[in-house]
Amino acid sequence: MNSKNNVTRDGIADTIHREFGFSRNECLDIVNDIIDIIVNGLNDNGIVKIHNFGTFKVRKKNSRIGRNPKTKEEYIINNRSVVSFKASKILLKQINSKNLNEKIS
């Protein structure tokens, strides 16, 4: 996967296909199953922890007044649920050590 492009389900499946030799359809099924597990965990429990990666949490946001920056017209933004992600210390360490190495070179 090119680091400048977005990560897609197909891209992840292609990487699994190249690394492990499973068929492309099997790899796409694996990726879709993992995403389904995360979504179902969020729906059922409101939290999904992936060891050495991070934690996904469902947060509730209250309704509030929003404003169109162009017209200054006010409107109500309804209450809603959002997903937040907190990276694990190990993931942050890997990201920061990569950034440090890029700055040195």
C-alpha atoms as a PDB file:
ATOM      1  CA  MET A   1       0.000   0.000   0.000  1.00  0.00           C
ATOM      2  CA  ASN A   2       1.249   3.436  -0.887  1.00  0.00           C
ATOM      3  CA  SER A   3       1.550   5.541   2.273  1.00  0.00           C
ATOM      4  CA  LYS A   4       0.175   8.634   0.501  1.00  0.00           C
ATOM      5  CA  ASN A   5      -3.126   6.944  -0.413  1.00  0.00           C
ATOM      6  CA  ASN A   6      -6.070   6.099   1.805  1.00  0.00           C
ATOM      7  CA  VAL A   7      -6.200   2.607   3.234  1.00  0.00           C
ATOM      8  CA  THR A   8      -9.128   0.724   1.700  1.00  0.00           C
ATOM      9  CA  ARG A   9     -10.703  -2.665   2.305  1.00  0.00           C
ATOM     10  CA  ASP A  10      -9.445  -3.784  -1.103  1.00  0.00           C
ATOM     11  CA  GLY A  11      -5.944  -2.534  -0.315  1.00  0.00           C
ATOM     12  CA  ILE A  12      -5.831  -4.452   2.945  1.00  0.00           C
ATOM     13  CA  ALA A  13      -7.204  -7.563   1.215  1.00  0.00           C
ATOM     14  CA  ASP A  14      -4.551  -7.261  -1.538  1.00  0.00           C
ATOM     15  CA  THR A  15      -1.807  -7.057   1.087  1.00  0.00           C
ATOM     16  CA  ILE A  16      -3.131 -10.170   2.834  1.00  0.00           C
ATOM     17  CA  HIS A  17      -3.339 -11.904  -0.564  1.00  0.00           C
ATOM     18  CA  ARG A  18       0.306 -11.082  -1.366  1.00  0.00           C
ATOM     19  CA  GLU A  19       1.596 -11.996   2.110  1.00  0.00           C
ATOM     20  CA  PHE A  20      -0.324 -15.225   2.713  1.00  0.00           C
ATOM     21  CA  GLY A  21      -1.485 -16.402  -0.715  1.00  0.00           C
ATOM     22  CA  PHE A  22      -5.191 -16.729   0.090  1.00  0.00           C
ATOM     23  CA  SER A  23      -7.590 -15.975  -2.744  1.00  0.00           C
ATOM     24  CA  ARG A  24      -8.629 -12.338  -3.166  1.00  0.00           C
ATOM     25  CA  ASN A  25     -12.241 -13.169  -2.266  1.00  0.00           C
ATOM     26  CA  GLU A  26     -11.159 -14.944   0.938  1.00  0.00           C
ATOM     27  CA  CYS A  27      -8.995 -11.962   1.878  1.00  0.00           C
ATOM     28  CA  LEU A  28     -11.830  -9.510   1.275  1.00  0.00           C
ATOM     29  CA  ASP A  29     -14.113 -11.724   3.385  1.00  0.00           C
ATOM     30  CA  ILE A  30     -11.530 -11.669   6.205  1.00  0.00           C
ATOM     31  CA  VAL A  31     -11.296  -7.863   6.091  1.00  0.00           C
ATOM     32  CA  ASN A  32     -15.091  -7.468   5.996  1.00  0.00           C
ATOM     33  CA  ASP A  33     -15.477  -9.932   8.904  1.00  0.00           C
ATOM     34  CA  ILE A  34     -12.994  -7.965  11.027  1.00  0.00           C
ATOM     35  CA  ILE A  35     -14.810  -4.700  10.327  1.00  0.00           C
ATOM     36  CA  ASP A  36     -18.161  -6.367  11.108  1.00  0.00           C
ATOM     37  CA  ILE A  37     -16.768  -7.619  14.436  1.00  0.00           C
ATOM     38  CA  ILE A  38     -15.669  -4.086  15.356  1.00  0.00           C
ATOM     39  CA  VAL A  39     -19.020  -2.540  14.339  1.00  0.00           C
ATOM     40  CA  ASN A  40     -21.015  -5.219  16.180  1.00  0.00           C
ATOM     41  CA  GLY A  41     -18.840  -4.768  19.272  1.00  0.00           C
ATOM     42  CA  LEU A  42     -19.495  -1.029  19.219  1.00  0.00           C
ATOM     43  CA  ASN A  43     -23.233  -1.598  18.791  1.00  0.00           C
ATOM     44  CA  ASP A  44     -23.397  -4.211  21.563  1.00  0.00           C
ATOM     45  CA  ASN A  45     -20.909  -2.865  24.131  1.00  0.00           C
ATOM     46  CA  GLY A  46     -20.027   0.685  23.082  1.00  0.00           C
ATOM     47  CA  ILE A  47     -16.318  -0.166  23.220  1.00  0.00           C
ATOM     48  CA  VAL A  48     -13.842  -2.341  21.301  1.00  0.00           C
ATOM     49  CA  LYS A  49     -10.258  -2.801  22.483  1.00  0.00           C
ATOM     50  CA  ILE A  50      -7.643  -4.228  20.138  1.00  0.00           C
ATOM     51  CA  HIS A  51      -4.495  -5.187  22.046  1.00  0.00           C
ATOM     52  CA  ASN A  52      -1.398  -3.177  21.017  1.00  0.00           C
ATOM     53  CA  PHE A  53      -3.504  -1.122  18.586  1.00  0.00           C
ATOM     54  CA  GLY A  54      -6.080   0.971  20.426  1.00  0.00           C
ATOM     55  CA  THR A  55      -9.626   1.426  21.668  1.00  0.00           C
ATOM     56  CA  PHE A  56     -12.734   2.414  19.744  1.00  0.00           C
ATOM     57  CA  LYS A  57     -15.511   3.976  21.862  1.00  0.00           C
ATOM     58  CA  VAL A  58     -19.007   5.221  21.140  1.00  0.00           C
ATOM     59  CA  ARG A  59     -19.567   8.708  22.565  1.00  0.00           C
ATOM     60  CA  LYS A  60     -22.837  10.592  22.789  1.00  0.00           C
ATOM     61  CA  LYS A  61     -22.900  14.207  21.645  1.00  0.00           C
ATOM     62  CA  ASN A  62     -25.689  16.490  22.813  1.00  0.00           C
ATOM     63  CA  SER A  63     -27.713  18.621  20.447  1.00  0.00           C
ATOM     64  CA  ARG A  64     -26.431  22.146  19.953  1.00  0.00           C
ATOM     65  CA  ILE A  65     -26.868  25.238  17.854  1.00  0.00           C
ATOM     66  CA  GLY A  66     -24.732  25.333  14.734  1.00  0.00           C
ATOM     67  CA  ARG A  67     -24.080  28.210  12.390  1.00  0.00           C
ATOM     68  CA  ASN A  68     -23.505  28.370   8.647  1.00  0.00           C
ATOM     69  CA  PRO A  69     -20.222  30.323   8.363  1.00  0.00           C
ATOM     70  CA  LYS A  70     -21.235  31.928   5.058  1.00  0.00           C
ATOM     71  CA  THR A  71     -24.779  33.024   5.826  1.00  0.00           C
ATOM     72  CA  LYS A  72     -24.498  33.122   9.653  1.00  0.00           C
ATOM     73  CA  GLU A  73     -27.839  31.288   9.720  1.00  0.00           C
ATOM     74  CA  GLU A  74     -28.321  29.239  12.896  1.00  0.00           C
ATOM     75  CA  TYR A  75     -29.724  25.722  12.985  1.00  0.00           C
ATOM     76  CA  ILE A  76     -30.029  22.838  15.443  1.00  0.00           C
ATOM     77  CA  ILE A  77     -27.512  19.992  15.234  1.00  0.00           C
ATOM     78  CA  ASN A  78     -29.329  16.962  16.685  1.00  0.00           C
ATOM     79  CA  ASN A  79     -27.845  14.742  19.385  1.00  0.00           C
ATOM     80  CA  ARG A  80     -25.928  11.810  17.917  1.00  0.00           C
ATOM     81  CA  SER A  81     -23.421   9.068  18.571  1.00  0.00           C
ATOM     82  CA  VAL A  82     -19.841   9.312  17.305  1.00  0.00           C
ATOM     83  CA  VAL A  83     -16.929   6.880  17.375  1.00  0.00           C
ATOM     84  CA  SER A  84     -13.676   7.967  18.959  1.00  0.00           C
ATOM     85  CA  PHE A  85     -10.343   6.155  18.798  1.00  0.00           C
ATOM     86  CA  LYS A  86      -7.514   6.231  21.304  1.00  0.00           C
ATOM     87  CA  ALA A  87      -4.267   4.700  20.087  1.00  0.00           C
ATOM     88  CA  SER A  88      -2.353   2.346  22.367  1.00  0.00           C
ATOM     89  CA  LYS A  89       1.007   3.387  23.775  1.00  0.00           C
ATOM     90  CA  ILE A  90       2.738   0.818  21.562  1.00  0.00           C
ATOM     91  CA  LEU A  91       1.090   2.182  18.399  1.00  0.00           C
ATOM     92  CA  LEU A  92       1.968   5.756  19.373  1.00  0.00           C
ATOM     93  CA  LYS A  93       5.564   4.719  20.052  1.00  0.00           C
ATOM     94  CA  GLN A  94       5.818   3.093  16.603  1.00  0.00           C
ATOM     95  CA  ILE A  95       4.325   6.141  14.881  1.00  0.00           C
ATOM     96  CA  ASN A  96       6.526   8.591  16.781  1.00  0.00           C
ATOM     97  CA  SER A  97       9.723   6.607  16.222  1.00  0.00           C
ATOM     98  CA  LYS A  98       8.952   6.505  12.462  1.00  0.00           C
ATOM     99  CA  ASN A  99       8.348  10.271  12.425  1.00  0.00           C
ATOM    100  CA  LEU A 100      11.579  10.833  14.345  1.00  0.00           C
ATOM    101  CA  ASN A 101      13.542   8.717  11.848  1.00  0.00           C
ATOM    102  CA  GLU A 102      12.019  10.623   8.899  1.00  0.00           C
ATOM    103  CA  LYS A 103      13.002  13.977  10.430  1.00  0.00           C
ATOM    104  CA  ILE A 104      16.609  12.853  10.949  1.00  0.00           C
ATOM    105  CA  SER A 105      17.118  11.667   7.370  1.00  0.00           C
END
